[in-house]
Amino acid sequence: MRSKYSAPAALLGSALLLGLGSHAATAAPLLCTSTITLPGGNGFVDDNLLTPGVCVQTLDVTFGAFALTGLPADGRVGFNTTNIGSPLVAQHTVSFNDNFQPLATYSMSYSAEITSGSNVFRSLNADFTQTGGTSTLDVLTTPHGVGSIDWTKVVQVGSGPDLITYGGNQLLVITNTLIDNGSVSSVTNNLVENRAVGIPEPASLVLLGAGMIGLLAFPRRAGRATA
């Protein structure tokens, strides 16, 4: 016997699914036609090299789908990966370094995807550096996350919300909109994961280098001993 509540329940379920679908926007996976790999997760890439099909690999995160609109010539995007906090978590810093011009609006959009391991993005915060005026930075992401970034600076003093948190996403689309009414020189995004990543320590690099030198020298010594 069919329950009289079946049809309303089905309609309610459909409505919930439609409602979730309209708010739970997801980002499309990255498609890379070429990849620039930055050993250790650190380095700079010229703006004009970051066309939509070009990706940048920094340890466990791939950045791509760059859309940089109206940026001044000769700018560079900086990438830096560090382990911070206690317990340690990975922070990926993306900085757009340009001589931005006052009374202009700029858009800097890109995707960030964790491509190895089970880490997820935990949060995003943003800031910019300027020497004068009143400028604003708005950052929108897909998915939206919790919180917002709508940062205003009067000369060097900032105010407004500047943090978005996420609940287990490995892929984000991030769009920065800068209104420069001062003299902005850099826009910075900090993406924080839930766990640390493997960054070579300076001491480890020194030991590795010493070991390689020893290996290169060994055949020479052996050759002299048998001569």
Protein backbone atom coordinates (compact mmCIF):
# COMPACT_ATOMS: atom_id res chain seq x y z
CA MET A 1 0.00 0.00 0.00
CA ARG A 2 1.39 3.36 -0.98
CA SER A 3 1.78 5.93 1.79
CA LYS A 4 -0.02 9.20 1.38
CA TYR A 5 3.23 10.94 2.44
CA SER A 6 5.36 9.51 -0.41
CA ALA A 7 4.67 12.23 -2.96
CA PRO A 8 5.20 15.17 -0.60
CA ALA A 9 8.37 13.54 0.73
CA ALA A 10 9.69 13.06 -2.80
CA LEU A 11 8.90 16.67 -3.66
CA LEU A 12 10.62 17.84 -0.49
CA GLY A 13 13.69 15.74 -1.32
CA SER A 14 13.84 17.21 -4.83
CA ALA A 15 13.53 20.73 -3.45
CA LEU A 16 16.36 20.11 -0.99
CA LEU A 17 18.58 18.76 -3.76
CA LEU A 18 17.84 21.76 -5.95
CA GLY A 19 18.54 24.09 -3.07
CA LEU A 20 21.85 22.42 -2.29
CA GLY A 21 22.83 22.43 -5.93
CA SER A 22 22.22 26.15 -6.24
CA HIS A 23 24.49 26.96 -3.27
CA ALA A 24 27.15 24.23 -3.34
CA ALA A 25 29.13 25.51 -6.30
CA THR A 26 32.20 23.47 -7.18
CA ALA A 27 35.30 24.33 -9.16
CA ALA A 28 36.33 22.51 -12.33
CA PRO A 29 39.55 20.45 -12.12
CA LEU A 30 42.64 22.12 -13.52
CA LEU A 31 43.68 21.45 -17.11
CA CYS A 32 47.37 22.19 -17.75
CA THR A 33 48.89 22.43 -21.23
CA SER A 34 52.31 23.10 -19.64
CA THR A 35 53.65 23.23 -16.09
CA ILE A 36 56.33 25.37 -14.44
CA THR A 37 57.77 23.45 -11.46
CA LEU A 38 59.23 25.43 -8.55
CA PRO A 39 61.54 23.18 -6.47
CA GLY A 40 60.89 23.64 -2.76
CA GLY A 41 57.67 25.52 -3.52
CA ASN A 42 59.37 28.91 -3.94
CA GLY A 43 60.04 31.23 -6.86
CA PHE A 44 58.81 33.97 -9.17
CA VAL A 45 57.06 33.73 -12.53
CA ASP A 46 56.55 36.66 -14.92
CA ASP A 47 52.93 37.73 -15.40
CA ASN A 48 53.13 37.34 -19.17
CA LEU A 49 53.99 33.63 -18.84
CA LEU A 50 50.85 32.83 -16.84
CA THR A 51 48.38 32.30 -19.64
CA PRO A 52 45.21 30.22 -18.92
CA GLY A 53 46.75 26.84 -19.87
CA VAL A 54 49.98 27.29 -17.90
CA CYS A 55 50.21 25.80 -14.41
CA VAL A 56 52.72 26.31 -11.59
CA GLN A 57 53.59 23.34 -9.37
CA THR A 58 54.73 24.09 -5.80
CA LEU A 59 55.19 20.90 -3.76
CA ASP A 60 51.65 19.51 -3.26
CA VAL A 61 49.69 22.41 -4.81
CA THR A 62 49.16 23.18 -8.50
CA PHE A 63 48.17 26.73 -9.45
CA GLY A 64 46.57 27.40 -12.83
CA ALA A 65 43.71 28.90 -14.85
CA PHE A 66 45.32 32.31 -14.43
CA ALA A 67 43.32 35.32 -15.64
CA LEU A 68 45.25 38.52 -14.92
CA THR A 69 43.33 41.52 -16.25
CA GLY A 70 44.84 44.95 -16.78
CA LEU A 71 48.01 44.36 -14.77
CA PRO A 72 50.94 46.67 -15.51
CA ALA A 73 53.77 45.35 -17.67
CA ASP A 74 56.85 43.67 -16.18
CA GLY A 75 55.04 42.31 -13.10
CA ARG A 76 55.79 38.99 -11.42
CA VAL A 77 53.84 36.50 -9.33
CA GLY A 78 55.69 35.13 -6.33
CA PHE A 79 55.07 31.68 -4.82
CA ASN A 80 56.28 30.68 -1.36
CA THR A 81 55.58 27.58 0.74
CA THR A 82 56.34 27.39 4.46
CA ASN A 83 55.27 25.28 7.43
CA ILE A 84 53.89 27.50 10.22
CA GLY A 85 52.17 27.26 13.60
CA SER A 86 51.94 24.54 16.23
CA PRO A 87 51.06 21.92 15.18
CA LEU A 88 52.67 22.72 11.84
CA VAL A 89 50.47 23.45 8.84
CA ALA A 90 51.46 24.39 5.29
CA GLN A 91 50.98 27.97 4.11
CA HIS A 92 51.14 28.79 0.40
CA THR A 93 51.65 32.48 -0.33
CA VAL A 94 50.79 33.89 -3.75
CA SER A 95 51.84 37.50 -4.28
CA PHE A 96 51.13 39.70 -7.29
CA ASN A 97 54.00 42.17 -7.48
CA ASP A 98 53.38 45.09 -9.82
CA ASN A 99 53.54 48.87 -9.93
CA PHE A 100 49.78 49.27 -9.78
CA GLN A 101 48.48 52.69 -10.77
CA PRO A 102 46.09 54.84 -8.71
CA LEU A 103 42.44 55.25 -9.70
CA ALA A 104 42.38 51.90 -11.48
CA THR A 105 40.72 48.49 -10.95
CA TYR A 106 42.57 45.20 -11.40
CA SER A 107 41.42 41.56 -11.44
CA MET A 108 43.65 38.62 -10.54
CA SER A 109 42.00 35.18 -10.80
CA TYR A 110 43.48 31.69 -10.52
CA SER A 111 42.80 28.16 -9.26
CA ALA A 112 44.68 26.25 -6.55
CA GLU A 113 44.46 22.46 -6.35
CA ILE A 114 46.06 20.04 -3.90
CA THR A 115 47.21 17.29 -6.22
CA SER A 116 48.92 14.83 -3.87
CA GLY A 117 48.13 13.35 -0.47
CA SER A 118 45.00 13.84 1.61
CA ASN A 119 45.56 17.43 2.75
CA VAL A 120 42.79 20.00 2.29
CA PHE A 121 42.62 23.78 2.32
CA ARG A 122 41.68 25.17 5.72
CA SER A 123 41.63 28.94 5.17
CA LEU A 124 42.48 31.90 2.95
CA ASN A 125 43.45 35.41 4.00
CA ALA A 126 44.57 38.36 1.91
CA ASP A 127 46.33 41.71 2.20
CA PHE A 128 48.03 44.31 0.05
CA THR A 129 50.93 46.74 0.42
CA GLN A 130 50.60 50.42 -0.39
CA THR A 131 52.15 53.74 0.57
CA GLY A 132 49.17 56.09 0.28
CA GLY A 133 45.52 56.68 -0.50
CA THR A 134 42.45 54.58 0.34
CA SER A 135 42.34 51.29 -1.58
CA THR A 136 40.17 48.17 -1.33
CA LEU A 137 40.65 44.45 -2.01
CA ASP A 138 37.71 42.07 -2.43
CA VAL A 139 38.32 38.32 -2.75
CA LEU A 140 35.68 35.84 -3.92
CA THR A 141 36.19 32.08 -4.00
CA THR A 142 34.47 28.97 -5.33
CA PRO A 143 33.38 27.28 -3.13
CA HIS A 144 32.40 30.28 -1.01
CA GLY A 145 33.57 28.97 2.35
CA VAL A 146 32.68 30.71 5.61
CA GLY A 147 33.59 34.37 6.06
CA SER A 148 34.64 37.03 3.56
CA ILE A 149 37.51 39.21 2.45
CA ASP A 150 36.68 42.90 1.96
CA TRP A 151 39.83 44.68 3.02
CA THR A 152 40.23 48.47 3.03
CA LYS A 153 43.46 50.35 3.69
CA VAL A 154 43.87 54.04 4.43
CA VAL A 155 47.55 54.62 3.74
CA GLN A 156 48.96 51.58 5.63
CA VAL A 157 46.18 50.93 8.17
CA GLY A 158 43.77 48.13 7.18
CA SER A 159 40.25 47.26 8.30
CA GLY A 160 37.43 44.88 7.40
CA PRO A 161 37.03 41.09 7.19
CA ASP A 162 40.04 39.30 5.72
CA LEU A 163 39.53 35.56 6.33
CA ILE A 164 37.60 32.73 4.64
CA THR A 165 37.60 29.20 6.09
CA TYR A 166 36.81 25.92 4.30
CA GLY A 167 35.53 22.53 5.32
CA GLY A 168 37.69 20.07 3.42
CA ASN A 169 38.23 21.37 -0.13
CA GLN A 170 41.19 20.42 -2.30
CA LEU A 171 40.32 22.81 -5.15
CA LEU A 172 39.61 26.55 -4.95
CA VAL A 173 38.99 29.24 -7.56
CA ILE A 174 40.14 32.61 -6.21
CA THR A 175 39.40 36.04 -7.68
CA ASN A 176 41.02 39.20 -6.33
CA THR A 177 39.58 42.59 -7.26
CA LEU A 178 41.80 45.52 -6.33
CA ILE A 179 40.67 49.15 -6.49
CA ASP A 180 43.89 51.13 -6.23
CA ASN A 181 43.44 54.69 -5.02
CA GLY A 182 46.89 54.90 -3.53
CA SER A 183 50.16 53.36 -4.57
CA VAL A 184 49.79 49.57 -4.32
CA SER A 185 52.88 47.46 -4.96
CA SER A 186 51.78 43.95 -3.96
CA VAL A 187 48.61 41.87 -3.42
CA THR A 188 49.06 38.76 -1.27
CA ASN A 189 46.95 35.62 -0.76
CA ASN A 190 47.82 33.10 1.98
CA LEU A 191 46.30 29.62 1.57
CA VAL A 192 46.63 27.40 4.63
CA GLU A 193 46.30 23.61 4.59
CA ASN A 194 45.29 21.39 7.49
CA ARG A 195 48.68 19.69 7.78
CA ALA A 196 52.33 20.39 7.04
CA VAL A 197 54.05 19.38 3.80
CA GLY A 198 57.57 18.11 3.19
CA ILE A 199 59.79 21.16 2.84
CA PRO A 200 63.54 20.42 2.84
CA GLU A 201 65.24 21.98 5.88
CA PRO A 202 68.43 24.03 5.23
CA ALA A 203 70.49 21.60 7.34
CA SER A 204 69.18 18.66 5.35
CA LEU A 205 70.12 20.38 2.10
CA VAL A 206 73.66 20.98 3.38
CA LEU A 207 74.04 17.31 4.38
CA LEU A 208 72.64 16.21 1.02
CA GLY A 209 75.11 18.45 -0.79
CA ALA A 210 78.02 17.15 1.27
CA GLY A 211 76.97 13.58 0.53
CA MET A 212 76.83 14.25 -3.19
CA ILE A 213 80.31 15.81 -3.12
CA GLY A 214 81.61 12.75 -1.29
CA LEU A 215 80.10 10.41 -3.86
CA LEU A 216 81.62 12.40 -6.72
CA ALA A 217 85.04 12.37 -5.05
CA PHE A 218 85.04 8.63 -4.23
CA PRO A 219 85.75 7.30 -7.74
CA ARG A 220 88.73 9.65 -8.06
CA ARG A 221 90.27 8.36 -4.81
CA ALA A 222 89.60 4.77 -5.85
CA GLY A 223 91.21 5.41 -9.22
CA ARG A 224 94.35 6.81 -7.61
CA ALA A 225 94.63 3.86 -5.23
CA THR A 226 94.59 1.35 -8.06
CA ALA A 227 96.89 3.29 -10.36
